[in-house]
Amino acid sequence: MEISFIIYPVIFLASFVLSMAGLGGGLIFAPLFIMMGFGQTPAVASSLLLNALGASTASYVYIRGRLVDFSLSIPLIITSGLAAPLGAMANSRIDQKFFLLAMSLVVLAAGLRMLVTWGLHSGNPGRPHVWSGSKLIQSSLMGLGIGFMGGMLGIGGGVFVVPLLIYFLHVHPKTAAATTAFIVCFSSFAGFATHAAMEALDWKFLILAGIFSSAGGFFGSRLMSSRLSGNFVKRLFGIILLLLSAYFFYRGVLS
């Protein structure tokens, strides 16, 4: 399959923009690769790898800027990392139309809430979170669902983590985005490894695409950590969620 060079600047731009919201670009990569003619499994696997690489370089910047809350990360990394391979294996076995329709409604509600209440947030960027026993258990269980859905859809799961951190745990938006990028690295790599074991991938394309994705994640995260406000991050994430909801609805109902 011949791949146009124009795809690489698109990959850079997607990673650049989405890394500011704590994501690695997987929201765009999977549907983009399917449109290019990739099969479902190679498209999802490639998306997860580029998602992981973009999130990794973003995490490096966020860690240096002391925006990542490691106490928040560990339970979600463990549970989402365990569930992501299960979601990847379920990708080819589940009729996704009803699932995508339900997801479009959930994501739409989350996006609207981000936009309507974007002026409300608590805490300071980088301040460590203090766990209670009940919230630790609930968040770990949510991590299982996040990892499963992210592995199945090829999006890493970050789209579900950010609202969880902001509205369930009352984390500052910049800390939520930075911590989510760190979590997404692990769940994306776990999901990718499972998909890669199932079908051959175009490694020549992935190596070059990985460079662009990593660069986009690096520069986008630098811009977010140094120049953007928490309110802007929430508005950006809300808009991304609305676009993702429209995509899920299209895949589940109209395609």
Protein backbone atom coordinates (compact mmCIF):
# COMPACT_ATOMS: atom_id res chain seq x y z
CA MET A 1 0.00 0.00 0.00
CA GLU A 2 1.43 3.38 -1.08
CA ILE A 3 1.36 6.00 1.69
CA SER A 4 1.32 9.71 0.83
CA PHE A 5 3.91 11.83 2.62
CA ILE A 6 1.16 14.30 3.60
CA ILE A 7 0.10 11.85 6.30
CA TYR A 8 3.18 12.62 8.42
CA PRO A 9 2.44 16.33 9.01
CA VAL A 10 -1.15 15.29 9.87
CA ILE A 11 0.24 12.86 12.47
CA PHE A 12 2.46 15.61 13.90
CA LEU A 13 -0.44 18.06 14.13
CA ALA A 14 -2.76 15.52 15.76
CA SER A 15 -0.16 14.65 18.40
CA PHE A 16 0.64 18.34 18.92
CA VAL A 17 -2.96 19.35 19.61
CA LEU A 18 -4.11 16.28 21.54
CA SER A 19 -1.03 16.15 23.79
CA MET A 20 -2.16 19.49 25.24
CA ALA A 21 -5.27 17.68 26.51
CA GLY A 22 -3.31 14.71 27.87
CA LEU A 23 -3.87 12.49 24.82
CA GLY A 24 -1.46 11.05 22.27
CA GLY A 25 -3.36 11.33 18.99
CA GLY A 26 -5.13 7.96 18.99
CA LEU A 27 -8.54 9.63 18.66
CA ILE A 28 -7.58 10.57 15.12
CA PHE A 29 -5.09 7.91 14.07
CA ALA A 30 -7.33 4.81 14.05
CA PRO A 31 -10.08 6.26 11.79
CA LEU A 32 -7.44 7.98 9.66
CA PHE A 33 -5.58 4.73 9.02
CA ILE A 34 -8.80 2.88 8.18
CA MET A 35 -9.59 5.60 5.63
CA MET A 36 -6.12 5.04 4.16
CA GLY A 37 -6.93 1.38 3.57
CA PHE A 38 -5.48 -0.29 6.67
CA GLY A 39 -7.32 -3.32 8.03
CA GLN A 40 -9.02 -2.86 11.40
CA THR A 41 -6.37 -4.65 13.47
CA PRO A 42 -3.34 -2.95 11.81
CA ALA A 43 -5.10 0.43 12.06
CA VAL A 44 -5.81 0.02 15.78
CA ALA A 45 -2.33 -1.38 16.49
CA SER A 46 -0.61 1.45 14.61
CA SER A 47 -2.82 3.99 16.37
CA LEU A 48 -1.94 2.63 19.79
CA LEU A 49 1.80 2.67 19.06
CA LEU A 50 1.78 6.27 17.81
CA ASN A 51 -0.50 7.20 20.70
CA ALA A 52 2.02 5.72 23.14
CA LEU A 53 4.99 7.48 21.52
CA GLY A 54 3.28 10.88 21.47
CA ALA A 55 2.16 10.47 25.08
CA SER A 56 5.66 9.36 26.11
CA THR A 57 7.39 12.50 24.87
CA ALA A 58 4.61 14.61 26.37
CA SER A 59 5.06 12.80 29.68
CA TYR A 60 8.77 13.59 29.67
CA VAL A 61 7.97 17.30 29.44
CA TYR A 62 5.22 17.09 32.06
CA ILE A 63 7.41 15.15 34.50
CA ARG A 64 10.16 17.74 34.18
CA GLY A 65 7.56 20.44 34.80
CA ARG A 66 6.35 18.57 37.92
CA LEU A 67 2.79 18.33 36.60
CA VAL A 68 2.42 14.53 36.78
CA ASP A 69 0.83 13.17 39.98
CA PHE A 70 2.39 9.72 40.37
CA SER A 71 0.14 8.80 43.28
CA LEU A 72 -2.83 9.14 40.90
CA SER A 73 -1.10 7.27 38.11
CA ILE A 74 -0.16 3.97 39.73
CA PRO A 75 -3.63 2.42 40.37
CA LEU A 76 -4.89 3.42 36.93
CA ILE A 77 -1.69 2.26 35.19
CA ILE A 78 -1.94 -1.17 36.78
CA THR A 79 -5.63 -1.77 36.13
CA SER A 80 -5.83 -0.17 32.67
CA GLY A 81 -2.64 -1.98 31.63
CA LEU A 82 -4.14 -5.30 32.67
CA ALA A 83 -7.42 -4.68 30.83
CA ALA A 84 -6.04 -3.15 27.61
CA PRO A 85 -4.91 -6.51 26.12
CA LEU A 86 -8.38 -7.94 26.80
CA GLY A 87 -9.95 -5.06 24.90
CA ALA A 88 -7.50 -5.59 22.06
CA MET A 89 -8.45 -9.28 21.82
CA ALA A 90 -12.15 -8.36 21.89
CA ASN A 91 -11.74 -5.92 19.00
CA SER A 92 -12.32 -8.52 16.29
CA ARG A 93 -15.02 -10.45 18.19
CA ILE A 94 -17.53 -7.80 19.23
CA ASP A 95 -20.13 -6.09 17.05
CA GLN A 96 -19.17 -2.50 17.78
CA LYS A 97 -22.19 -0.65 16.35
CA PHE A 98 -24.33 -0.62 19.49
CA PHE A 99 -21.26 -0.09 21.65
CA LEU A 100 -20.16 2.91 19.58
CA LEU A 101 -23.64 4.42 19.72
CA ALA A 102 -23.66 4.17 23.52
CA MET A 103 -20.13 5.57 23.67
CA SER A 104 -21.11 8.54 21.50
CA LEU A 105 -23.78 9.51 24.05
CA VAL A 106 -21.43 9.11 27.02
CA VAL A 107 -18.67 11.12 25.37
CA LEU A 108 -21.16 13.79 24.26
CA ALA A 109 -22.34 14.25 27.85
CA ALA A 110 -18.74 14.49 29.08
CA GLY A 111 -17.82 17.01 26.38
CA LEU A 112 -20.80 19.23 27.15
CA ARG A 113 -20.00 19.16 30.83
CA MET A 114 -16.41 20.19 30.10
CA LEU A 115 -17.60 23.17 28.08
CA VAL A 116 -20.48 24.25 30.33
CA THR A 117 -18.52 24.07 33.60
CA TRP A 118 -15.08 24.86 32.28
CA GLY A 119 -14.65 27.76 34.70
CA LEU A 120 -14.88 25.46 37.73
CA HIS A 121 -11.86 23.54 38.96
CA SER A 122 -10.06 22.93 42.21
CA GLY A 123 -6.54 22.37 43.42
CA ASN A 124 -3.20 23.60 42.12
CA PRO A 125 -1.20 22.18 39.21
CA GLY A 126 1.16 19.46 40.38
CA ARG A 127 -0.22 19.17 43.93
CA PRO A 128 -0.22 15.45 44.94
CA HIS A 129 -3.59 13.81 45.43
CA VAL A 130 -4.47 12.15 48.76
CA TRP A 131 -6.32 8.86 48.28
CA SER A 132 -9.16 7.52 50.40
CA GLY A 133 -9.74 3.77 50.49
CA SER A 134 -13.10 3.90 48.70
CA LYS A 135 -11.88 6.18 45.93
CA LEU A 136 -8.82 4.00 45.41
CA ILE A 137 -11.01 0.93 44.88
CA GLN A 138 -13.49 2.76 42.65
CA SER A 139 -10.74 4.31 40.52
CA SER A 140 -9.02 0.96 40.12
CA LEU A 141 -12.27 -0.59 38.90
CA MET A 142 -12.75 2.32 36.50
CA GLY A 143 -9.22 1.72 35.27
CA LEU A 144 -10.24 -1.77 34.17
CA GLY A 145 -13.06 -0.33 32.06
CA ILE A 146 -10.85 2.43 30.69
CA GLY A 147 -8.12 -0.01 29.66
CA PHE A 148 -10.61 -2.38 28.03
CA MET A 149 -12.34 0.31 25.98
CA GLY A 150 -9.08 1.99 25.03
CA GLY A 151 -7.53 -1.30 23.88
CA MET A 152 -10.59 -2.20 21.84
CA LEU A 153 -10.97 1.18 20.14
CA GLY A 154 -7.27 1.97 19.71
CA ILE A 155 -7.41 5.28 21.60
CA GLY A 156 -5.32 4.51 24.69
CA GLY A 157 -8.12 5.36 27.13
CA GLY A 158 -7.08 8.91 27.94
CA VAL A 159 -10.41 10.28 26.76
CA PHE A 160 -12.01 8.57 29.77
CA VAL A 161 -9.24 9.33 32.29
CA VAL A 162 -9.33 13.14 32.09
CA PRO A 163 -13.01 13.51 33.10
CA LEU A 164 -12.47 10.93 35.85
CA LEU A 165 -9.60 12.94 37.34
CA ILE A 166 -11.25 16.35 37.00
CA TYR A 167 -14.80 15.56 38.13
CA PHE A 168 -14.43 12.45 40.28
CA LEU A 169 -11.16 13.30 42.03
CA HIS A 170 -11.28 17.13 41.61
CA VAL A 171 -7.81 17.35 40.08
CA HIS A 172 -6.62 20.59 38.45
CA PRO A 173 -7.05 20.35 34.64
CA LYS A 174 -3.35 20.79 33.87
CA THR A 175 -2.40 18.07 36.36
CA ALA A 176 -5.18 15.86 34.97
CA ALA A 177 -3.94 16.25 31.40
CA ALA A 178 -0.30 15.65 32.36
CA THR A 179 -1.08 12.64 34.55
CA THR A 180 -3.34 11.17 31.86
CA ALA A 181 -0.56 11.40 29.28
CA PHE A 182 1.66 9.38 31.63
CA ILE A 183 -1.06 6.75 32.17
CA VAL A 184 -1.83 6.53 28.45
CA CYS A 185 1.78 5.50 27.70
CA PHE A 186 1.36 2.23 29.57
CA SER A 187 -2.16 1.30 28.46
CA SER A 188 -1.32 2.10 24.82
CA PHE A 189 1.85 0.00 24.79
CA ALA A 190 -0.02 -2.89 26.43
CA GLY A 191 -2.80 -2.76 23.85
CA PHE A 192 -0.33 -2.39 20.99
CA ALA A 193 1.67 -5.45 22.02
CA THR A 194 -1.47 -7.59 21.89
CA HIS A 195 -2.55 -6.28 18.47
CA ALA A 196 0.98 -6.59 17.06
CA ALA A 197 1.07 -10.25 18.03
CA MET A 198 -2.12 -10.86 16.04
CA GLU A 199 -1.18 -9.38 12.65
CA ALA A 200 1.84 -8.10 10.70
CA LEU A 201 2.41 -4.33 10.68
CA ASP A 202 4.09 -1.88 8.30
CA TRP A 203 7.17 -1.10 10.37
CA LYS A 204 8.74 1.18 7.76
CA PHE A 205 5.70 3.45 8.00
CA LEU A 206 5.49 3.15 11.79
CA ILE A 207 9.10 4.18 12.38
CA LEU A 208 8.76 7.39 10.38
CA ALA A 209 5.24 8.08 11.71
CA GLY A 210 6.54 7.48 15.25
CA ILE A 211 9.11 10.23 14.84
CA PHE A 212 6.42 12.74 13.83
CA SER A 213 4.07 11.62 16.60
CA SER A 214 6.81 11.88 19.21
CA ALA A 215 7.77 15.36 18.01
CA GLY A 216 4.15 16.52 18.08
CA GLY A 217 3.68 15.24 21.62
CA PHE A 218 6.86 16.95 22.78
CA PHE A 219 6.08 20.40 21.38
CA GLY A 220 2.39 20.30 22.28
CA SER A 221 3.15 19.43 25.87
CA ARG A 222 5.76 22.17 26.14
CA LEU A 223 3.19 24.71 24.99
CA MET A 224 0.58 23.44 27.45
CA SER A 225 2.89 23.30 30.47
CA SER A 226 4.34 26.78 29.98
CA ARG A 227 1.67 28.95 28.36
CA LEU A 228 -1.86 27.54 28.60
CA SER A 229 -4.32 27.92 31.47
CA GLY A 230 -6.31 25.13 33.08
CA ASN A 231 -9.53 26.58 31.67
CA PHE A 232 -8.16 26.48 28.13
CA VAL A 233 -7.17 22.84 28.57
CA LYS A 234 -10.70 21.95 29.69
CA ARG A 235 -12.28 23.80 26.76
CA LEU A 236 -9.92 22.12 24.31
CA PHE A 237 -10.72 18.72 25.77
CA GLY A 238 -14.46 19.46 25.63
CA ILE A 239 -14.27 20.30 21.93
CA ILE A 240 -12.25 17.14 21.27
CA LEU A 241 -14.89 15.07 23.07
CA LEU A 242 -17.69 16.55 20.94
CA LEU A 243 -15.80 15.68 17.76
CA LEU A 244 -15.12 12.18 19.07
CA SER A 245 -18.81 11.75 19.92
CA ALA A 246 -19.75 12.67 16.36
CA TYR A 247 -17.24 10.15 15.04
CA PHE A 248 -18.56 7.36 17.30
CA PHE A 249 -22.12 8.16 16.21
CA TYR A 250 -21.10 8.04 12.55
CA ARG A 251 -19.32 4.69 12.98
CA GLY A 252 -22.13 3.21 15.04
CA VAL A 253 -25.18 4.45 13.11
CA LEU A 254 -24.34 5.86 9.72
CA SER A 255 -21.47 3.71 8.45
